[in-house]
Amino acid sequence: MHDNDPRPSNPSPDSAQNLDVEAWLRSKGFGKYAGIFAKQGITAAYLLQLTDNDLKDLGVAKLVERANLLSEISRLTAPKNTPPKAAWPPPLLVPAVAAAPAVAAKAAPRAPGPGPGPQRPAANLPAANRPAARPAAVAPARPAATAVPHSPQPVETRRRKWRFGGKFLAISVAVHLLFALGAAYYVVQTISAKRKLTFHGGPPSPNPSQRSLEHKVQMAKKKSTMSAPPPSRRVVTTGIAKVVLPEMPVMPAMDPNASMKMAGTRGTGVGFGPSTGTLAGGATRGGGGVTVFGFRDKREDLLKGTFYDLKQTPDGQPTPIGNDADNKAAIAHYLNAVKNFVHHGWNQADFDHYYRAKNPLYASQIYVPIGESIEAAKAFNVEDEVKADRWLVHYRGSAKAPRTGTFRFVGRGDNILLVRLNKQNIFDGSSREIIDEHAVIDQKLGACSAKGWELAGGKWFTVHEGERLDIEILIGDNGGAYSSFLLIEEKGVTYEQRKDSPGLAYPVFQLGAMAVPPPGFNQKWGGFNPETAKEPVIFQGVKGSNVFSSF
């Protein structure tokens, strides 16, 4: 053994001398890698030279397993006659100083002789008596370089480096992410600003006549390329904007002899379709969603109307009001029931012992052209259960004043029309018999309804812009023909003269924009559907106000 050999002189039991690598791996708990080591030709000599990277290449992926395996390898002692390192893995070469071969020429042994003193060299002895010369001892030359296996780094050192590298990677990713977000924000802001700056409208045409000509040419081109729109939709095109309107209800057929029909209504908003209660002649049950008495679909921002038949009880039994044998007495009972309701706070409980329609209607206005009284029952889908007279409809809801001013209601009902505002009777436009004489001031404001009848005016009231007003309206009929018109007048405003008869054209009172039936003279009944102002006065309805049991 050389003096510079680092291996211990007494190998331990785990010495690599004649080591079976596969068996050793299995004994140390690394048996799953035995096949890989055998396939790569890892012998005991190579085993001592393996590094952490070598173990990664051999498939030992887990850091803990590589650390434990390197620790076990470090306990092994390399064999004494370790062969030169093969081409894989590459060794670390440590330069060493080459020693010249030293020839130790030993002096010839002394010839035996007695006594002390210098002895004669054996070379001077006779050849027969000369001892055999020993061969010269030649010191073996040290190799120019000695292969030293890589020394694996301590596990704790590698863990500290790994932790430091992981933190640095996380910080680097966070910095790059913030930089990317800032760049994206800058790009978006720049592009948005450029878009705003570069948007310009087209130049105007030099004169009005040329603009008109260009418009006609453009419309002609559009008509030649556009297909017919679907029948269920109306599309309005203005510039680059397109608005798709909801499906429009079909208007009923016109009857030239019945001016009270709904086709050809004026104004904006919703028109009336072929449904019950449209007074369009021959209307049938179960029609569209709107009638002259209101919408069938729920509208919480409009007046909620409830239909009562005072001729029968909720279970269909007749009441004194339904005594057809004595019509005069029945009408008297009917009017007394209306007076009790109006003079005792408009309490709906007063009608609990009368028949009530299951489904309410929701009205924006009260403008019912002259027609048959049974149309009210048809509008509420109860014409099979209710006869055509002595009924009432109670509307209730809330609205906001459009502006500050002084107003009064104008109108007429055949036979019942009353308005209550903030718990005060403010208008009575009933015909034949006035229910509340304090709620009517003028009786001669223009022809309406039947021959000789005129519009009436109620008490003036002042409101402030945005002020909420609780509104209740009661309409009803004794039988025969029926009509009801509720208009409004604002003090200080000048209205146009009516063309159909003497009087002023007052605007219709509304809670939301809606078409107004056409005015005109009804030949059958000999009365007028009064002409109104072109624009209604809208007290915007308050959503949800009609769902309360009381105001």
Protein backbone atom coordinates (compact mmCIF):
# COMPACT_ATOMS: atom_id res chain seq x y z
CA MET A 1 0.00 0.00 0.00
CA HIS A 2 1.34 3.43 -0.90
CA ASP A 3 1.75 6.11 1.71
CA ASN A 4 -0.64 8.50 -0.15
CA ASP A 5 -3.55 6.05 -0.43
CA PRO A 6 -6.48 7.60 1.45
CA ARG A 7 -8.28 4.37 2.04
CA PRO A 8 -8.13 2.76 5.47
CA SER A 9 -5.69 -0.06 5.96
CA ASN A 10 -8.35 -2.21 7.63
CA PRO A 11 -11.48 -2.30 5.45
CA SER A 12 -14.81 -2.21 7.23
CA PRO A 13 -17.48 -4.87 6.76
CA ASP A 14 -18.99 -2.66 4.04
CA SER A 15 -15.71 -2.57 2.07
CA ALA A 16 -16.06 -2.32 -1.71
CA GLN A 17 -13.53 -5.16 -2.07
CA ASN A 18 -15.31 -7.72 -4.27
CA LEU A 19 -18.65 -5.91 -3.68
CA ASP A 20 -21.80 -7.22 -5.39
CA VAL A 21 -23.42 -3.87 -6.30
CA GLU A 22 -26.94 -5.26 -6.89
CA ALA A 23 -26.98 -7.16 -3.60
CA TRP A 24 -25.57 -4.15 -1.79
CA LEU A 25 -28.28 -1.85 -3.21
CA ARG A 26 -31.01 -4.22 -2.09
CA SER A 27 -29.51 -4.50 1.39
CA LYS A 28 -29.58 -0.72 1.74
CA GLY A 29 -33.18 -0.36 0.56
CA PHE A 30 -32.40 0.75 -2.99
CA GLY A 31 -33.33 -2.48 -4.70
CA LYS A 32 -35.57 -0.75 -7.24
CA TYR A 33 -32.43 0.79 -8.79
CA ALA A 34 -30.41 -2.46 -8.91
CA GLY A 35 -31.50 -3.28 -12.44
CA ILE A 36 -30.59 0.22 -13.72
CA PHE A 37 -27.11 0.02 -12.11
CA ALA A 38 -26.52 -3.43 -13.62
CA LYS A 39 -27.70 -2.31 -17.06
CA GLN A 40 -25.27 0.65 -16.98
CA GLY A 41 -22.39 -1.56 -15.84
CA ILE A 42 -21.84 0.12 -12.48
CA THR A 43 -19.21 -1.97 -10.68
CA ALA A 44 -17.80 -1.52 -7.18
CA ALA A 45 -15.01 0.68 -8.56
CA TYR A 46 -17.45 3.00 -10.34
CA LEU A 47 -19.82 3.02 -7.39
CA LEU A 48 -17.33 4.98 -5.28
CA GLN A 49 -17.07 7.70 -7.94
CA LEU A 50 -20.77 8.44 -8.39
CA THR A 51 -21.96 12.05 -7.80
CA ASP A 52 -25.36 13.62 -7.20
CA ASN A 53 -25.73 14.47 -10.90
CA ASP A 54 -24.71 10.87 -11.83
CA LEU A 55 -27.50 9.53 -9.60
CA LYS A 56 -29.99 11.89 -11.29
CA ASP A 57 -28.92 10.52 -14.69
CA LEU A 58 -29.39 6.98 -13.38
CA GLY A 59 -33.03 7.78 -12.44
CA VAL A 60 -32.74 8.48 -8.70
CA ALA A 61 -35.11 11.47 -8.85
CA LYS A 62 -35.79 12.18 -5.17
CA LEU A 63 -33.30 14.42 -3.37
CA VAL A 64 -33.61 12.47 -0.12
CA GLU A 65 -32.85 9.13 -1.84
CA ARG A 66 -29.79 10.55 -3.59
CA ALA A 67 -28.50 12.01 -0.29
CA ASN A 68 -28.99 8.70 1.55
CA LEU A 69 -27.37 6.68 -1.26
CA LEU A 70 -24.33 8.99 -1.41
CA SER A 71 -24.04 8.69 2.38
CA GLU A 72 -24.01 4.87 2.11
CA ILE A 73 -21.43 4.97 -0.72
CA SER A 74 -19.15 7.20 1.36
CA ARG A 75 -18.96 4.46 3.98
CA LEU A 76 -17.49 2.00 1.48
CA THR A 77 -13.72 1.53 1.07
CA ALA A 78 -12.38 1.37 -2.45
CA PRO A 79 -10.60 -1.94 -3.43
CA LYS A 80 -6.78 -1.97 -3.28
CA ASN A 81 -6.27 -2.62 -6.96
CA THR A 82 -8.75 -0.11 -8.37
CA PRO A 83 -8.50 -0.27 -12.19
CA PRO A 84 -8.04 2.91 -14.17
CA LYS A 85 -11.13 4.98 -14.48
CA ALA A 86 -13.18 4.22 -17.56
CA ALA A 87 -14.41 6.89 -19.96
CA TRP A 88 -17.65 7.31 -17.88
CA PRO A 89 -17.96 8.99 -15.55
CA PRO A 90 -15.08 11.44 -16.23
CA PRO A 91 -12.57 11.47 -13.29
CA LEU A 92 -11.10 14.47 -11.60
CA LEU A 93 -7.34 14.44 -12.27
CA VAL A 94 -5.06 15.60 -9.45
CA PRO A 95 -1.51 16.30 -10.64
CA ALA A 96 1.25 14.52 -8.74
CA VAL A 97 5.04 14.88 -8.88
CA ALA A 98 6.67 11.89 -10.68
CA ALA A 99 9.41 10.22 -8.63
CA ALA A 100 12.57 9.02 -10.49
CA PRO A 101 13.18 5.31 -10.04
CA ALA A 102 15.66 4.92 -7.21
CA VAL A 103 18.10 2.02 -7.42
CA ALA A 104 19.24 1.03 -3.99
CA ALA A 105 22.60 -0.56 -4.58
CA LYS A 106 23.41 -2.41 -1.49
CA ALA A 107 26.95 -2.83 -0.44
CA ALA A 108 28.40 -6.24 -0.82
CA PRO A 109 28.25 -8.25 2.31
CA ARG A 110 31.33 -8.50 4.41
CA ALA A 111 33.36 -11.61 4.15
CA PRO A 112 33.26 -13.56 7.26
CA GLY A 113 36.42 -13.21 9.25
CA PRO A 114 37.47 -13.25 12.77
CA GLY A 115 37.68 -10.24 14.90
CA PRO A 116 36.81 -6.72 14.24
CA GLY A 117 38.11 -4.47 11.56
CA PRO A 118 37.36 -3.77 8.02
CA GLN A 119 36.22 -6.59 6.03
CA ARG A 120 37.27 -7.38 2.52
CA PRO A 121 34.63 -6.86 -0.04
CA ALA A 122 33.06 -9.88 -1.48
CA ALA A 123 34.11 -8.81 -4.95
CA ASN A 124 37.67 -9.60 -4.03
CA LEU A 125 36.73 -13.03 -2.96
CA PRO A 126 37.21 -15.92 -5.20
CA ALA A 127 34.20 -16.54 -7.45
CA ALA A 128 33.50 -19.83 -5.81
CA ASN A 129 33.35 -18.29 -2.40
CA ARG A 130 31.51 -15.08 -3.52
CA PRO A 131 27.83 -14.88 -2.34
CA ALA A 132 25.08 -14.54 -4.89
CA ALA A 133 24.24 -10.91 -5.64
CA ARG A 134 20.76 -9.70 -4.76
CA PRO A 135 18.71 -8.15 -7.51
CA ALA A 136 18.54 -4.37 -7.42
CA ALA A 137 15.47 -3.06 -5.67
CA VAL A 138 13.63 -0.67 -7.94
CA ALA A 139 11.08 1.65 -6.32
CA PRO A 140 7.84 1.61 -8.30
CA ALA A 141 7.15 4.91 -10.08
CA ARG A 142 4.03 6.82 -8.98
CA PRO A 143 1.60 7.44 -11.78
CA ALA A 144 1.53 10.95 -13.31
CA ALA A 145 -2.04 11.45 -12.15
CA THR A 146 -4.20 9.70 -9.61
CA ALA A 147 -8.00 9.39 -10.15
CA VAL A 148 -9.82 10.86 -7.19
CA PRO A 149 -13.59 10.27 -6.98
CA HIS A 150 -15.95 13.25 -6.67
CA SER A 151 -16.82 13.98 -3.09
CA PRO A 152 -20.58 14.52 -2.78
CA GLN A 153 -21.62 17.76 -1.14
CA PRO A 154 -23.25 17.55 2.29
CA VAL A 155 -27.04 17.22 2.15
CA GLU A 156 -27.63 20.31 4.33
CA THR A 157 -25.46 22.46 2.03
CA ARG A 158 -27.42 21.33 -1.01
CA ARG A 159 -30.72 22.03 0.78
CA ARG A 160 -29.62 25.57 1.68
CA LYS A 161 -28.71 26.24 -1.95
CA TRP A 162 -32.02 24.81 -3.13
CA ARG A 163 -34.00 26.98 -0.73
CA PHE A 164 -32.06 30.09 -1.73
CA GLY A 165 -32.61 29.33 -5.42
CA GLY A 166 -36.38 28.76 -4.92
CA LYS A 167 -36.82 32.12 -3.15
CA PHE A 168 -34.89 33.92 -5.85
CA LEU A 169 -37.03 32.27 -8.55
CA ALA A 170 -40.29 33.31 -6.82
CA ILE A 171 -39.11 36.92 -6.45
CA SER A 172 -38.03 37.01 -10.09
CA VAL A 173 -41.43 35.69 -11.28
CA ALA A 174 -43.30 38.27 -9.14
CA VAL A 175 -41.21 41.17 -10.49
CA HIS A 176 -41.74 40.08 -14.08
CA LEU A 177 -45.49 39.67 -13.50
CA LEU A 178 -45.82 43.20 -12.08
CA PHE A 179 -43.87 44.58 -15.00
CA ALA A 180 -46.16 42.75 -17.48
CA LEU A 181 -49.31 44.11 -15.78
CA GLY A 182 -47.97 47.65 -15.85
CA ALA A 183 -47.10 47.35 -19.53
CA ALA A 184 -50.57 45.97 -20.35
CA TYR A 185 -52.27 48.84 -18.49
CA TYR A 186 -50.15 51.39 -20.33
CA VAL A 187 -50.96 49.83 -23.71
CA VAL A 188 -54.73 49.74 -23.01
CA GLN A 189 -54.80 53.37 -21.86
CA THR A 190 -52.79 54.50 -24.86
CA ILE A 191 -55.03 52.68 -27.34
CA SER A 192 -58.21 54.00 -25.69
CA ALA A 193 -56.92 57.57 -25.82
CA LYS A 194 -55.98 57.21 -29.47
CA ARG A 195 -59.45 55.88 -30.30
CA LYS A 196 -61.10 58.86 -28.64
CA LEU A 197 -58.83 61.28 -30.43
CA THR A 198 -59.17 59.70 -33.87
CA PHE A 199 -63.01 59.43 -33.92
CA HIS A 200 -64.53 62.06 -36.18
CA GLY A 201 -67.95 62.44 -37.73
CA GLY A 202 -68.33 62.59 -41.46
CA PRO A 203 -68.25 65.99 -43.13
CA PRO A 204 -71.64 67.62 -43.72
CA SER A 205 -73.04 67.99 -47.19
CA PRO A 206 -72.61 71.45 -48.71
CA ASN A 207 -76.31 72.30 -48.89
CA PRO A 208 -79.73 71.01 -47.73
CA SER A 209 -80.85 69.94 -51.19
CA GLN A 210 -77.78 67.78 -51.67
CA ARG A 211 -78.23 66.23 -48.21
CA SER A 212 -81.82 65.35 -49.13
CA LEU A 213 -80.66 63.77 -52.39
CA GLU A 214 -77.92 61.76 -50.63
CA HIS A 215 -80.46 60.52 -48.08
CA LYS A 216 -82.80 59.32 -50.83
CA VAL A 217 -80.00 57.53 -52.65
CA GLN A 218 -78.85 55.81 -49.45
CA MET A 219 -82.39 54.72 -48.62
CA ALA A 220 -82.85 53.35 -52.14
CA LYS A 221 -79.67 51.31 -51.81
CA LYS A 222 -80.79 49.95 -48.46
CA LYS A 223 -84.18 48.97 -49.79
CA SER A 224 -82.59 47.11 -52.70
CA THR A 225 -80.35 45.06 -50.40
CA MET A 226 -82.53 44.56 -47.34
CA SER A 227 -84.92 41.67 -46.99
CA ALA A 228 -88.36 42.09 -45.49
CA PRO A 229 -88.22 42.23 -41.69
CA PRO A 230 -89.84 39.42 -39.68
CA PRO A 231 -93.52 40.13 -39.05
CA SER A 232 -93.07 39.80 -35.29
CA ARG A 233 -90.51 42.62 -34.99
CA ARG A 234 -90.18 46.31 -35.85
CA VAL A 235 -86.66 47.66 -36.39
CA VAL A 236 -85.94 51.39 -36.36
CA THR A 237 -82.59 52.53 -37.79
CA THR A 238 -81.13 55.91 -36.92
CA GLY A 239 -77.52 56.41 -37.91
CA ILE A 240 -75.52 53.46 -36.62
CA ALA A 241 -77.91 52.57 -33.76
CA LYS A 242 -80.58 49.91 -34.10
CA VAL A 243 -83.44 49.49 -31.67
CA VAL A 244 -85.62 46.38 -31.71
CA LEU A 245 -89.10 47.06 -30.42
CA PRO A 246 -91.28 44.39 -28.78
CA GLU A 247 -93.99 42.63 -30.73
CA MET A 248 -96.83 44.99 -31.60
CA PRO A 249 -100.37 43.80 -30.98
CA VAL A 250 -102.62 43.53 -34.02
CA MET A 251 -105.24 46.25 -34.25
CA PRO A 252 -108.89 45.21 -34.59
CA ALA A 253 -110.77 45.65 -37.83
CA MET A 254 -112.30 49.06 -38.40
CA ASP A 255 -116.02 49.56 -38.42
CA PRO A 256 -116.90 52.90 -40.07
CA ASN A 257 -120.12 53.11 -38.07
CA ALA A 258 -118.51 52.73 -34.68
CA SER A 259 -116.25 55.62 -33.83
CA MET A 260 -115.56 54.21 -30.39
CA LYS A 261 -113.39 51.41 -31.75
CA MET A 262 -109.71 51.30 -30.88
CA ALA A 263 -108.10 51.09 -34.35
CA GLY A 264 -106.32 54.29 -35.33
CA THR A 265 -105.62 55.43 -31.76
CA ARG A 266 -103.57 58.58 -31.24
CA GLY A 267 -100.51 59.24 -29.15
CA THR A 268 -97.48 57.20 -28.24
CA GLY A 269 -97.02 54.09 -26.14
CA VAL A 270 -99.03 50.90 -26.16
CA GLY A 271 -101.99 50.40 -28.48
CA PHE A 272 -105.02 48.22 -27.93
CA GLY A 273 -105.37 44.76 -29.48
CA PRO A 274 -108.30 42.48 -30.32
CA SER A 275 -109.20 41.55 -26.78
CA THR A 276 -112.24 41.67 -24.56
CA GLY A 277 -113.17 45.08 -23.34
CA THR A 278 -111.69 46.92 -26.32
CA LEU A 279 -115.21 48.00 -27.33
CA ALA A 280 -114.24 47.03 -30.89
CA GLY A 281 -117.49 45.22 -31.59
CA GLY A 282 -117.73 41.45 -31.43
CA ALA A 283 -114.76 41.18 -29.04
CA THR A 284 -114.39 37.69 -27.64
CA ARG A 285 -113.10 36.32 -24.39
CA GLY A 286 -109.40 35.47 -23.93
CA GLY A 287 -107.92 37.99 -26.36
CA GLY A 288 -104.74 40.08 -26.08
CA GLY A 289 -103.10 41.53 -22.98
CA VAL A 290 -104.58 45.05 -23.06
CA THR A 291 -108.12 46.41 -22.92
CA VAL A 292 -109.64 49.88 -22.50
CA PHE A 293 -110.06 48.95 -18.83
CA GLY A 294 -106.37 48.10 -18.41
CA PHE A 295 -103.60 45.59 -18.98
CA ARG A 296 -104.06 41.94 -18.08
CA ASP A 297 -100.33 41.60 -17.37
CA LYS A 298 -99.28 42.76 -13.93
CA ARG A 299 -97.95 46.33 -13.84
CA GLU A 300 -97.01 47.55 -10.38
CA ASP A 301 -96.52 51.15 -11.54
CA LEU A 302 -100.10 51.55 -12.79
CA LEU A 303 -103.57 51.67 -11.23
CA LYS A 304 -104.76 48.27 -10.07
CA GLY A 305 -108.43 47.75 -10.88
CA THR A 306 -110.73 45.26 -9.09
CA PHE A 307 -114.13 44.35 -10.60
CA TYR A 308 -117.21 43.88 -8.36
CA ASP A 309 -120.69 42.69 -9.30
CA LEU A 310 -123.10 44.11 -6.73
CA LYS A 311 -125.98 41.96 -7.99
CA GLN A 312 -124.63 38.76 -6.37
CA THR A 313 -122.68 37.48 -3.41
CA PRO A 314 -119.24 35.80 -3.69
CA ASP A 315 -120.94 32.39 -3.95
CA GLY A 316 -123.38 33.59 -6.65
CA GLN A 317 -126.46 34.27 -4.54
CA PRO A 318 -128.59 37.31 -5.58
CA THR A 319 -128.54 40.52 -3.55
CA PRO A 320 -131.24 43.21 -3.34
CA ILE A 321 -129.27 45.10 -6.01
CA GLY A 322 -129.86 42.19 -8.35
CA ASN A 323 -133.64 42.27 -8.09
CA ASP A 324 -134.56 42.56 -11.77
CA ALA A 325 -138.27 42.49 -10.91
CA ASP A 326 -138.01 45.96 -9.40
CA ASN A 327 -135.32 47.71 -11.43
CA LYS A 328 -135.92 51.12 -9.82
CA ALA A 329 -135.42 49.74 -6.33
CA ALA A 330 -132.37 47.76 -7.47
CA ILE A 331 -130.72 50.92 -8.85
CA ALA A 332 -131.49 52.76 -5.59
CA HIS A 333 -129.76 50.00 -3.62
CA TYR A 334 -126.83 50.19 -6.05
CA LEU A 335 -126.39 53.95 -5.56
CA ASN A 336 -126.70 53.65 -1.80
CA ALA A 337 -123.88 51.06 -1.79
CA VAL A 338 -121.68 53.46 -3.78
CA LYS A 339 -122.46 56.36 -1.39
CA ASN A 340 -121.65 54.27 1.69
CA PHE A 341 -118.31 53.29 0.17
CA VAL A 342 -117.35 56.86 -0.81
CA HIS A 343 -118.48 58.57 2.41
CA HIS A 344 -116.93 55.98 4.74
CA GLY A 345 -113.29 56.16 3.62
CA TRP A 346 -113.30 54.03 0.46
CA ASN A 347 -112.94 50.86 2.52
CA GLN A 348 -112.69 47.82 0.28
CA ALA A 349 -114.14 45.69 3.05
CA ASP A 350 -117.53 47.24 2.19
CA PHE A 351 -117.47 45.15 -1.00
CA ASP A 352 -116.42 41.87 0.61
CA HIS A 353 -119.98 40.54 0.53
CA TYR A 354 -120.25 41.09 -3.25
CA TYR A 355 -118.92 39.04 -6.13
CA ARG A 356 -115.33 39.94 -7.10
CA ALA A 357 -113.48 38.98 -10.32
CA LYS A 358 -110.49 36.75 -9.74
CA ASN A 359 -107.99 38.67 -11.88
CA PRO A 360 -107.40 42.46 -11.69
CA LEU A 361 -106.48 44.82 -14.53
CA TYR A 362 -103.76 47.49 -14.50
CA ALA A 363 -104.70 50.86 -16.06
CA SER A 364 -102.61 53.85 -17.09
CA GLN A 365 -105.65 56.01 -17.95
CA ILE A 366 -109.45 56.14 -17.79
CA TYR A 367 -110.71 56.80 -21.30
CA VAL A 368 -113.42 54.27 -22.20
CA PRO A 369 -115.27 55.14 -25.44
CA ILE A 370 -119.04 54.75 -25.64
CA GLY A 371 -120.07 51.12 -25.83
CA GLU A 372 -122.04 48.30 -24.22
CA SER A 373 -121.91 47.94 -20.45
CA ILE A 374 -121.10 44.21 -20.75
CA GLU A 375 -117.66 45.13 -22.14
CA ALA A 376 -116.42 45.64 -18.57
CA ALA A 377 -117.23 42.04 -17.66
CA LYS A 378 -115.58 40.86 -20.89
CA ALA A 379 -112.42 42.80 -20.09
CA PHE A 380 -112.17 41.01 -16.73
CA ASN A 381 -113.07 37.63 -18.35
CA VAL A 382 -116.23 37.17 -16.25
CA GLU A 383 -118.95 37.75 -18.87
CA ASP A 384 -120.21 34.16 -18.36
CA GLU A 385 -120.82 34.83 -14.65
CA VAL A 386 -121.89 38.48 -14.61
CA LYS A 387 -124.73 40.35 -16.26
CA ALA A 388 -124.22 43.72 -17.92
CA ASP A 389 -125.30 46.16 -15.21
CA ARG A 390 -124.75 47.40 -11.66
CA TRP A 391 -121.03 46.71 -11.48
CA LEU A 392 -118.11 48.74 -10.11
CA VAL A 393 -114.34 48.85 -10.72
CA HIS A 394 -112.12 50.23 -7.97
CA TYR A 395 -108.66 51.44 -9.13
CA ARG A 396 -105.85 52.37 -6.76
CA GLY A 397 -102.16 53.32 -7.00
CA SER A 398 -99.65 56.14 -6.50
CA ALA A 399 -98.00 58.67 -8.79
CA LYS A 400 -95.53 61.54 -8.66
CA ALA A 401 -96.37 65.08 -9.75
CA PRO A 402 -94.48 66.00 -12.96
CA ARG A 403 -94.06 69.62 -11.89
CA THR A 404 -95.23 72.18 -9.38
CA GLY A 405 -98.63 73.61 -10.29
CA THR A 406 -102.35 73.76 -9.66
CA PHE A 407 -104.59 71.18 -11.35
CA ARG A 408 -108.12 69.80 -11.39
CA PHE A 409 -109.71 66.73 -12.93
CA VAL A 410 -112.20 67.08 -15.78
CA GLY A 411 -114.38 64.31 -17.12
CA ARG A 412 -117.62 62.38 -17.08
CA GLY A 413 -118.67 58.83 -16.26
CA ASP A 414 -121.78 56.90 -17.22
CA ASN A 415 -122.90 56.35 -14.56
CA ILE A 416 -120.16 56.48 -11.87
CA LEU A 417 -116.80 58.34 -11.94
CA LEU A 418 -115.16 59.55 -8.71
CA VAL A 419 -111.52 60.40 -7.83
CA ARG A 420 -109.95 60.40 -4.38
CA LEU A 421 -106.53 62.08 -3.95
CA ASN A 422 -104.56 61.69 -0.73
CA LYS A 423 -107.71 60.51 1.08
CA GLN A 424 -109.85 63.45 -0.11
CA ASN A 425 -112.69 63.29 -2.61
CA ILE A 426 -111.39 65.62 -5.31
CA PHE A 427 -113.67 64.96 -8.27
CA ASP A 428 -117.15 63.58 -8.95
CA GLY A 429 -117.98 63.20 -12.64
CA SER A 430 -120.90 60.83 -12.14
CA SER A 431 -124.02 61.31 -14.30
CA ARG A 432 -127.72 61.06 -13.43
CA GLU A 433 -126.95 61.39 -9.70
CA ILE A 434 -123.98 63.08 -8.00
CA ILE A 435 -122.41 61.02 -5.21
CA ASP A 436 -120.38 63.82 -3.54
CA GLU A 437 -121.63 67.31 -4.39
CA HIS A 438 -118.56 68.94 -2.81
CA ALA A 439 -116.29 67.29 -5.36
CA VAL A 440 -117.78 68.93 -8.46
CA ILE A 441 -117.65 72.62 -9.41
CA ASP A 442 -118.37 73.02 -13.13
CA GLN A 443 -120.87 71.04 -15.18
CA LYS A 444 -120.60 72.68 -18.63
CA LEU A 445 -117.13 72.03 -20.05
CA GLY A 446 -118.00 70.38 -23.38
CA ALA A 447 -120.21 67.67 -24.87
CA CYS A 448 -119.55 64.00 -24.12
CA SER A 449 -121.10 60.57 -23.62
CA ALA A 450 -124.85 60.94 -24.31
CA LYS A 451 -126.93 63.68 -25.88
CA GLY A 452 -127.05 66.72 -23.65
CA TRP A 453 -124.26 65.50 -21.35
CA GLU A 454 -121.14 67.61 -20.76
CA LEU A 455 -117.79 67.30 -19.07
CA ALA A 456 -117.58 68.33 -15.40
CA GLY A 457 -114.72 69.91 -13.45
CA GLY A 458 -113.60 69.03 -9.92
CA LYS A 459 -111.83 70.87 -7.10
CA TRP A 460 -108.48 72.55 -7.74
CA PHE A 461 -105.44 71.11 -5.94
CA THR A 462 -101.79 72.22 -5.79
CA VAL A 463 -98.85 69.82 -5.99
CA HIS A 464 -95.07 70.15 -5.99
CA GLU A 465 -92.71 68.49 -8.44
CA GLY A 466 -91.94 64.91 -7.40
CA GLU A 467 -94.63 64.90 -4.70
CA ARG A 468 -96.21 61.48 -4.22
CA LEU A 469 -99.97 61.31 -4.60
CA ASP A 470 -102.16 58.37 -3.53
CA ILE A 471 -104.92 57.97 -6.11
CA GLU A 472 -108.19 56.02 -6.06
CA ILE A 473 -110.72 55.98 -8.90
CA LEU A 474 -114.19 54.42 -8.88
CA ILE A 475 -116.14 53.74 -12.07
CA GLY A 476 -119.41 51.85 -12.59
CA ASP A 477 -122.63 51.53 -14.58
CA ASN A 478 -126.35 50.86 -14.06
CA GLY A 479 -126.65 49.14 -17.44
CA GLY A 480 -127.16 49.85 -21.15
CA ALA A 481 -124.50 52.07 -22.71
CA TYR A 482 -121.33 52.90 -20.83
CA SER A 483 -118.43 55.35 -21.14
CA SER A 484 -115.94 57.08 -18.87
CA PHE A 485 -113.42 59.89 -19.53
CA LEU A 486 -110.90 61.25 -17.00
CA LEU A 487 -108.98 64.32 -18.19
CA ILE A 488 -106.95 66.97 -16.32
CA GLU A 489 -106.63 70.76 -16.51
CA GLU A 490 -103.67 72.83 -15.33
CA LYS A 491 -104.35 76.39 -14.16
CA GLY A 492 -102.72 79.02 -16.33
CA VAL A 493 -102.37 76.80 -19.41
CA THR A 494 -104.24 77.68 -22.60
CA TYR A 495 -105.86 74.76 -24.45
CA GLU A 496 -107.07 74.57 -28.03
CA GLN A 497 -110.73 74.64 -28.94
CA ARG A 498 -112.35 71.32 -29.79
CA LYS A 499 -113.24 70.74 -33.44
CA ASP A 500 -116.00 68.21 -32.80
CA SER A 501 -118.09 70.42 -30.48
CA PRO A 502 -117.82 73.56 -28.34
CA GLY A 503 -115.35 73.36 -25.47
CA LEU A 504 -111.63 72.91 -24.85
CA ALA A 505 -109.47 69.90 -25.70
CA TYR A 506 -108.11 68.89 -22.28
CA PRO A 507 -105.22 66.41 -21.97
CA VAL A 508 -105.80 62.85 -20.77
CA PHE A 509 -104.60 62.04 -17.25
CA GLN A 510 -102.09 59.15 -17.36
CA LEU A 511 -99.63 57.26 -15.14
CA GLY A 512 -97.59 56.14 -18.13
CA ALA A 513 -97.44 56.88 -21.84
CA MET A 514 -100.26 55.08 -23.67
CA ALA A 515 -102.30 55.45 -26.84
CA VAL A 516 -105.59 57.36 -26.53
CA PRO A 517 -108.67 56.03 -28.39
CA PRO A 518 -109.86 58.30 -31.23
CA PRO A 519 -112.52 60.93 -30.48
CA GLY A 520 -115.67 61.49 -32.45
CA PHE A 521 -119.44 61.25 -32.52
CA ASN A 522 -121.03 57.86 -31.88
CA GLN A 523 -124.09 57.58 -34.09
CA LYS A 524 -125.51 54.55 -32.31
CA TRP A 525 -125.63 56.16 -28.90
CA GLY A 526 -125.83 59.80 -29.98
CA GLY A 527 -122.91 60.99 -27.86
CA PHE A 528 -119.32 62.21 -28.14
CA ASN A 529 -116.01 60.61 -27.28
CA PRO A 530 -114.49 64.00 -26.42
CA GLU A 531 -111.54 65.35 -28.36
CA THR A 532 -108.44 65.69 -26.18
CA ALA A 533 -105.13 67.57 -26.31
CA LYS A 534 -102.41 66.04 -28.48
CA GLU A 535 -100.18 65.28 -25.50
CA PRO A 536 -101.38 63.75 -22.20
CA VAL A 537 -100.28 64.90 -18.77
CA ILE A 538 -98.35 62.08 -17.14
CA PHE A 539 -98.15 61.73 -13.38
CA GLN A 540 -95.54 58.96 -13.36
CA GLY A 541 -96.76 55.88 -11.54
CA VAL A 542 -94.85 54.66 -8.48
CA LYS A 543 -93.78 51.03 -8.73
CA GLY A 544 -95.24 48.75 -6.08
CA SER A 545 -97.76 51.27 -4.80
CA ASN A 546 -100.79 49.27 -5.97
CA VAL A 547 -99.87 46.11 -4.04
CA PHE A 548 -100.65 47.53 -0.58
CA SER A 549 -103.91 46.71 1.09
CA SER A 550 -104.41 50.36 2.05
CA PHE A 551 -102.72 53.73 1.64
